[in-house]
N, C-alpha and C. Protein backbone atom coordinates (compact mmCIF):
# COMPACT_ATOMS: atom_id res chain seq x y z
N MET A 1 -27.09 18.74 54.18
CA MET A 1 -26.43 19.69 55.04
C MET A 1 -25.39 20.43 54.22
N ILE A 2 -25.38 21.72 54.34
CA ILE A 2 -24.44 22.57 53.60
C ILE A 2 -23.37 23.04 54.56
N ARG A 3 -22.14 22.92 54.12
CA ARG A 3 -21.05 23.38 54.96
C ARG A 3 -20.14 24.26 54.13
N ARG A 4 -19.45 25.16 54.81
CA ARG A 4 -18.55 26.09 54.13
C ARG A 4 -17.14 25.54 54.18
N GLU A 5 -16.49 25.56 53.03
CA GLU A 5 -15.09 25.14 52.96
C GLU A 5 -14.22 26.36 53.16
N GLY A 6 -12.93 26.14 53.22
CA GLY A 6 -12.00 27.23 53.44
C GLY A 6 -11.99 28.25 52.32
N ASP A 7 -12.45 27.86 51.11
CA ASP A 7 -12.44 28.80 49.99
C ASP A 7 -13.67 29.69 49.96
N GLY A 8 -14.60 29.50 50.89
CA GLY A 8 -15.77 30.35 50.98
C GLY A 8 -16.96 29.83 50.19
N HIS A 9 -16.80 28.72 49.44
CA HIS A 9 -17.90 28.17 48.66
C HIS A 9 -18.68 27.17 49.50
N ALA A 10 -19.96 27.10 49.24
CA ALA A 10 -20.81 26.16 49.95
C ALA A 10 -20.76 24.81 49.25
N HIS A 11 -20.58 23.74 50.01
CA HIS A 11 -20.54 22.39 49.46
C HIS A 11 -21.48 21.52 50.25
N ASP A 12 -22.18 20.66 49.55
CA ASP A 12 -22.96 19.68 50.28
C ASP A 12 -22.26 18.33 50.15
N GLY A 13 -22.73 17.31 50.81
CA GLY A 13 -22.10 16.00 50.82
C GLY A 13 -22.09 15.30 49.47
N SER A 14 -23.00 15.69 48.57
CA SER A 14 -23.08 15.01 47.28
C SER A 14 -21.92 15.36 46.36
N SER A 15 -21.26 16.49 46.58
CA SER A 15 -20.14 16.85 45.69
C SER A 15 -18.97 15.88 45.86
N GLU A 16 -18.75 15.39 47.05
CA GLU A 16 -17.69 14.40 47.25
C GLU A 16 -18.03 13.10 46.54
N GLU A 17 -19.30 12.74 46.56
CA GLU A 17 -19.74 11.55 45.83
C GLU A 17 -19.57 11.74 44.33
N GLU A 18 -19.90 12.93 43.85
CA GLU A 18 -19.72 13.22 42.43
C GLU A 18 -18.25 13.14 42.03
N ILE A 19 -17.40 13.68 42.89
CA ILE A 19 -15.96 13.63 42.61
C ILE A 19 -15.48 12.19 42.56
N ALA A 20 -15.95 11.37 43.48
CA ALA A 20 -15.57 9.95 43.49
C ALA A 20 -16.06 9.25 42.22
N GLU A 21 -17.28 9.57 41.79
CA GLU A 21 -17.82 8.98 40.57
C GLU A 21 -17.01 9.42 39.34
N ILE A 22 -16.65 10.69 39.30
CA ILE A 22 -15.86 11.19 38.18
C ILE A 22 -14.49 10.52 38.14
N ARG A 23 -13.86 10.38 39.31
CA ARG A 23 -12.56 9.71 39.35
C ARG A 23 -12.67 8.25 38.90
N ALA A 24 -13.74 7.58 39.31
CA ALA A 24 -13.95 6.19 38.89
C ALA A 24 -14.16 6.12 37.38
N ALA A 25 -14.91 7.07 36.83
CA ALA A 25 -15.15 7.09 35.39
C ALA A 25 -13.84 7.35 34.63
N ILE A 26 -13.01 8.23 35.16
CA ILE A 26 -11.72 8.51 34.53
C ILE A 26 -10.84 7.26 34.56
N GLU A 27 -10.85 6.55 35.67
CA GLU A 27 -10.04 5.33 35.78
C GLU A 27 -10.53 4.26 34.81
N ARG A 28 -11.86 4.12 34.66
CA ARG A 28 -12.40 3.16 33.69
C ARG A 28 -11.99 3.54 32.27
N ALA A 29 -12.06 4.83 31.96
CA ALA A 29 -11.67 5.30 30.63
C ALA A 29 -10.18 5.04 30.39
N ARG A 30 -9.36 5.27 31.39
CA ARG A 30 -7.92 5.03 31.28
C ARG A 30 -7.66 3.54 31.00
N GLU A 31 -8.37 2.66 31.71
CA GLU A 31 -8.20 1.22 31.49
C GLU A 31 -8.64 0.81 30.08
N GLN A 32 -9.72 1.41 29.59
CA GLN A 32 -10.19 1.11 28.24
C GLN A 32 -9.17 1.57 27.19
N VAL A 33 -8.61 2.75 27.38
CA VAL A 33 -7.61 3.26 26.44
C VAL A 33 -6.38 2.37 26.45
N THR A 34 -5.93 1.96 27.62
CA THR A 34 -4.77 1.08 27.73
C THR A 34 -5.04 -0.24 27.04
N SER A 35 -6.21 -0.80 27.28
CA SER A 35 -6.58 -2.07 26.66
C SER A 35 -6.63 -1.94 25.13
N SER A 36 -7.22 -0.85 24.65
CA SER A 36 -7.30 -0.63 23.20
C SER A 36 -5.92 -0.45 22.59
N ALA A 37 -5.06 0.28 23.25
CA ALA A 37 -3.70 0.49 22.74
C ALA A 37 -2.93 -0.81 22.67
N LEU A 38 -3.07 -1.65 23.68
CA LEU A 38 -2.39 -2.95 23.67
C LEU A 38 -2.93 -3.84 22.56
N ALA A 39 -4.25 -3.81 22.33
CA ALA A 39 -4.84 -4.61 21.26
C ALA A 39 -4.35 -4.14 19.89
N ILE A 40 -4.27 -2.83 19.71
CA ILE A 40 -3.77 -2.29 18.43
C ILE A 40 -2.32 -2.68 18.23
N ARG A 41 -1.51 -2.58 19.27
CA ARG A 41 -0.09 -2.95 19.19
C ARG A 41 0.05 -4.41 18.80
N ARG A 42 -0.75 -5.28 19.42
CA ARG A 42 -0.70 -6.71 19.12
C ARG A 42 -1.08 -6.98 17.65
N GLU A 43 -2.12 -6.29 17.16
CA GLU A 43 -2.55 -6.49 15.78
C GLU A 43 -1.48 -6.00 14.79
N VAL A 44 -0.84 -4.88 15.10
CA VAL A 44 0.21 -4.36 14.22
C VAL A 44 1.39 -5.32 14.18
N LEU A 45 1.80 -5.81 15.33
CA LEU A 45 2.92 -6.76 15.37
C LEU A 45 2.59 -8.04 14.62
N GLU A 46 1.36 -8.52 14.75
CA GLU A 46 0.96 -9.73 14.02
C GLU A 46 0.92 -9.48 12.52
N SER A 47 0.47 -8.31 12.10
CA SER A 47 0.38 -8.04 10.67
C SER A 47 1.75 -7.84 10.04
N LEU A 48 2.75 -7.43 10.84
CA LEU A 48 4.10 -7.24 10.31
C LEU A 48 4.97 -8.49 10.45
N ASP A 49 4.45 -9.55 11.02
CA ASP A 49 5.21 -10.78 11.21
C ASP A 49 5.23 -11.54 9.89
N TRP A 50 6.36 -11.48 9.17
CA TRP A 50 6.43 -12.12 7.86
C TRP A 50 6.37 -13.64 7.98
N ARG A 51 6.81 -14.23 9.05
CA ARG A 51 6.76 -15.68 9.20
C ARG A 51 5.31 -16.18 9.24
N ARG A 52 4.48 -15.45 9.98
CA ARG A 52 3.07 -15.83 10.04
C ARG A 52 2.40 -15.63 8.69
N TRP A 53 2.77 -14.56 7.97
CA TRP A 53 2.19 -14.31 6.65
C TRP A 53 2.53 -15.46 5.72
N VAL A 54 3.79 -15.88 5.72
CA VAL A 54 4.22 -16.98 4.84
C VAL A 54 3.52 -18.27 5.25
N ALA A 55 3.38 -18.53 6.54
CA ALA A 55 2.73 -19.75 7.00
C ALA A 55 1.27 -19.80 6.56
N ARG A 56 0.61 -18.66 6.56
CA ARG A 56 -0.79 -18.62 6.14
C ARG A 56 -0.95 -18.71 4.63
N ARG A 57 0.01 -18.19 3.90
CA ARG A 57 -0.09 -18.10 2.44
C ARG A 57 1.13 -18.77 1.79
N LEU A 58 1.34 -20.03 2.11
CA LEU A 58 2.53 -20.71 1.66
C LEU A 58 2.59 -20.78 0.13
N GLY A 59 1.48 -21.08 -0.51
CA GLY A 59 1.46 -21.16 -1.97
C GLY A 59 1.83 -19.84 -2.63
N VAL A 60 1.30 -18.75 -2.12
CA VAL A 60 1.60 -17.43 -2.67
C VAL A 60 3.07 -17.09 -2.45
N ALA A 61 3.60 -17.44 -1.27
CA ALA A 61 5.00 -17.15 -0.96
C ALA A 61 5.93 -17.93 -1.88
N VAL A 62 5.63 -19.20 -2.12
CA VAL A 62 6.46 -20.02 -3.01
C VAL A 62 6.38 -19.49 -4.44
N ALA A 63 5.19 -19.12 -4.88
CA ALA A 63 5.04 -18.58 -6.24
C ALA A 63 5.80 -17.25 -6.38
N ALA A 64 5.74 -16.41 -5.36
CA ALA A 64 6.46 -15.14 -5.42
C ALA A 64 7.97 -15.37 -5.45
N ALA A 65 8.46 -16.31 -4.65
CA ALA A 65 9.89 -16.62 -4.65
C ALA A 65 10.32 -17.18 -6.00
N PHE A 66 9.49 -18.02 -6.58
CA PHE A 66 9.79 -18.57 -7.90
C PHE A 66 9.84 -17.46 -8.95
N ALA A 67 8.87 -16.55 -8.90
CA ALA A 67 8.82 -15.46 -9.87
C ALA A 67 10.04 -14.55 -9.75
N VAL A 68 10.44 -14.24 -8.53
CA VAL A 68 11.61 -13.39 -8.33
C VAL A 68 12.86 -14.11 -8.84
N GLY A 69 12.99 -15.38 -8.55
CA GLY A 69 14.14 -16.15 -9.04
C GLY A 69 14.15 -16.25 -10.56
N PHE A 70 12.99 -16.46 -11.14
CA PHE A 70 12.89 -16.58 -12.59
C PHE A 70 13.27 -15.26 -13.26
N LEU A 71 12.70 -14.17 -12.76
CA LEU A 71 13.01 -12.87 -13.36
C LEU A 71 14.47 -12.49 -13.13
N GLY A 72 14.99 -12.81 -11.97
CA GLY A 72 16.40 -12.52 -11.70
C GLY A 72 17.33 -13.35 -12.55
N GLY A 73 16.96 -14.59 -12.80
CA GLY A 73 17.81 -15.47 -13.60
C GLY A 73 17.79 -15.15 -15.08
N PHE A 74 16.62 -14.82 -15.61
CA PHE A 74 16.52 -14.56 -17.04
C PHE A 74 16.47 -13.08 -17.39
N GLY A 75 16.27 -12.24 -16.41
CA GLY A 75 16.17 -10.82 -16.69
C GLY A 75 17.51 -10.12 -16.80
N GLY A 76 18.58 -10.81 -16.51
CA GLY A 76 19.89 -10.19 -16.53
C GLY A 76 20.62 -10.33 -17.85
N GLY A 77 19.98 -10.80 -18.88
CA GLY A 77 20.63 -10.97 -20.17
C GLY A 77 21.65 -12.10 -20.16
N ARG A 78 21.41 -13.11 -19.37
CA ARG A 78 22.36 -14.20 -19.24
C ARG A 78 21.83 -15.48 -19.87
N GLY A 79 21.17 -15.37 -20.96
CA GLY A 79 20.66 -16.56 -21.63
C GLY A 79 21.81 -17.44 -22.12
N ARG A 80 21.48 -18.54 -22.76
CA ARG A 80 22.53 -19.44 -23.25
C ARG A 80 23.26 -18.78 -24.41
N ARG A 81 24.56 -18.84 -24.34
CA ARG A 81 25.40 -18.29 -25.40
C ARG A 81 26.42 -19.35 -25.80
N PRO A 82 26.85 -19.30 -27.02
CA PRO A 82 27.91 -20.23 -27.42
C PRO A 82 29.18 -19.91 -26.64
N PRO A 83 30.03 -20.91 -26.39
CA PRO A 83 31.27 -20.65 -25.65
C PRO A 83 32.10 -19.56 -26.33
N GLY A 84 32.60 -18.65 -25.54
CA GLY A 84 33.42 -17.56 -26.07
C GLY A 84 32.64 -16.37 -26.57
N ALA A 85 31.33 -16.49 -26.68
CA ALA A 85 30.52 -15.36 -27.16
C ALA A 85 30.46 -14.30 -26.08
N ARG A 86 30.45 -13.04 -26.50
CA ARG A 86 30.40 -11.94 -25.55
C ARG A 86 28.97 -11.52 -25.31
N ARG A 87 28.77 -10.91 -24.19
CA ARG A 87 27.45 -10.36 -23.88
C ARG A 87 27.16 -9.16 -24.74
N ARG A 88 25.91 -9.04 -25.13
CA ARG A 88 25.51 -7.86 -25.89
C ARG A 88 25.22 -6.69 -24.96
N SER A 89 24.71 -6.98 -23.78
CA SER A 89 24.40 -5.91 -22.83
C SER A 89 24.64 -6.43 -21.42
N GLU A 90 24.79 -5.52 -20.51
CA GLU A 90 24.98 -5.93 -19.13
C GLU A 90 23.62 -6.21 -18.50
N GLY A 91 23.61 -7.03 -17.48
CA GLY A 91 22.37 -7.41 -16.82
C GLY A 91 21.93 -6.38 -15.79
N TRP A 92 20.75 -6.59 -15.27
CA TRP A 92 20.19 -5.64 -14.30
C TRP A 92 21.02 -5.58 -13.03
N LEU A 93 21.63 -6.71 -12.65
CA LEU A 93 22.43 -6.70 -11.43
C LEU A 93 23.70 -5.88 -11.61
N GLU A 94 24.31 -6.01 -12.76
CA GLU A 94 25.50 -5.21 -13.04
C GLU A 94 25.17 -3.73 -13.12
N ARG A 95 24.04 -3.40 -13.70
CA ARG A 95 23.61 -2.00 -13.75
C ARG A 95 23.37 -1.48 -12.35
N LEU A 96 22.83 -2.32 -11.49
CA LEU A 96 22.54 -1.91 -10.13
C LEU A 96 23.83 -1.73 -9.32
N LEU A 97 24.78 -2.66 -9.47
CA LEU A 97 26.00 -2.61 -8.69
C LEU A 97 27.02 -1.62 -9.24
N GLY A 98 26.96 -1.33 -10.51
CA GLY A 98 27.87 -0.37 -11.10
C GLY A 98 28.99 -1.03 -11.88
N PRO A 99 29.74 -0.23 -12.63
CA PRO A 99 30.77 -0.79 -13.52
C PRO A 99 31.96 -1.38 -12.78
N GLU A 100 32.22 -0.98 -11.54
CA GLU A 100 33.39 -1.51 -10.84
C GLU A 100 33.21 -2.98 -10.47
N ARG A 101 32.00 -3.47 -10.47
CA ARG A 101 31.74 -4.87 -10.14
C ARG A 101 31.70 -5.76 -11.38
N ARG A 102 31.80 -5.18 -12.53
CA ARG A 102 31.68 -5.93 -13.76
C ARG A 102 32.83 -6.93 -13.88
N GLY A 103 32.51 -8.13 -14.31
CA GLY A 103 33.52 -9.13 -14.55
C GLY A 103 33.86 -9.97 -13.34
N ARG A 104 33.37 -9.60 -12.18
CA ARG A 104 33.61 -10.42 -10.98
C ARG A 104 32.52 -11.47 -10.84
N ALA A 105 32.90 -12.60 -10.27
CA ALA A 105 31.93 -13.67 -10.10
C ALA A 105 31.26 -13.57 -8.76
């Protein structure tokens, strides 16, 4: 059955069904996008969680901490010196902090 709407166009009963189907499809798509966005957010937060990274790779984390400590300890030109001997050069930490920090413990 064809009926005339106020706008002068002819509509049959199936157009309302089509509109309902389109709205349902849009709602399903909206739910899928929301679900995907939440999943991506969860994955990003998990990948940026340093505690979980360390827990999964404890050996690598300990080795990296050891390497940083080793390089920091020996990379600053602070090897063993006889008592009273002066430094030949300043260490990397002093270069980083600047001359105003020199000589402070």
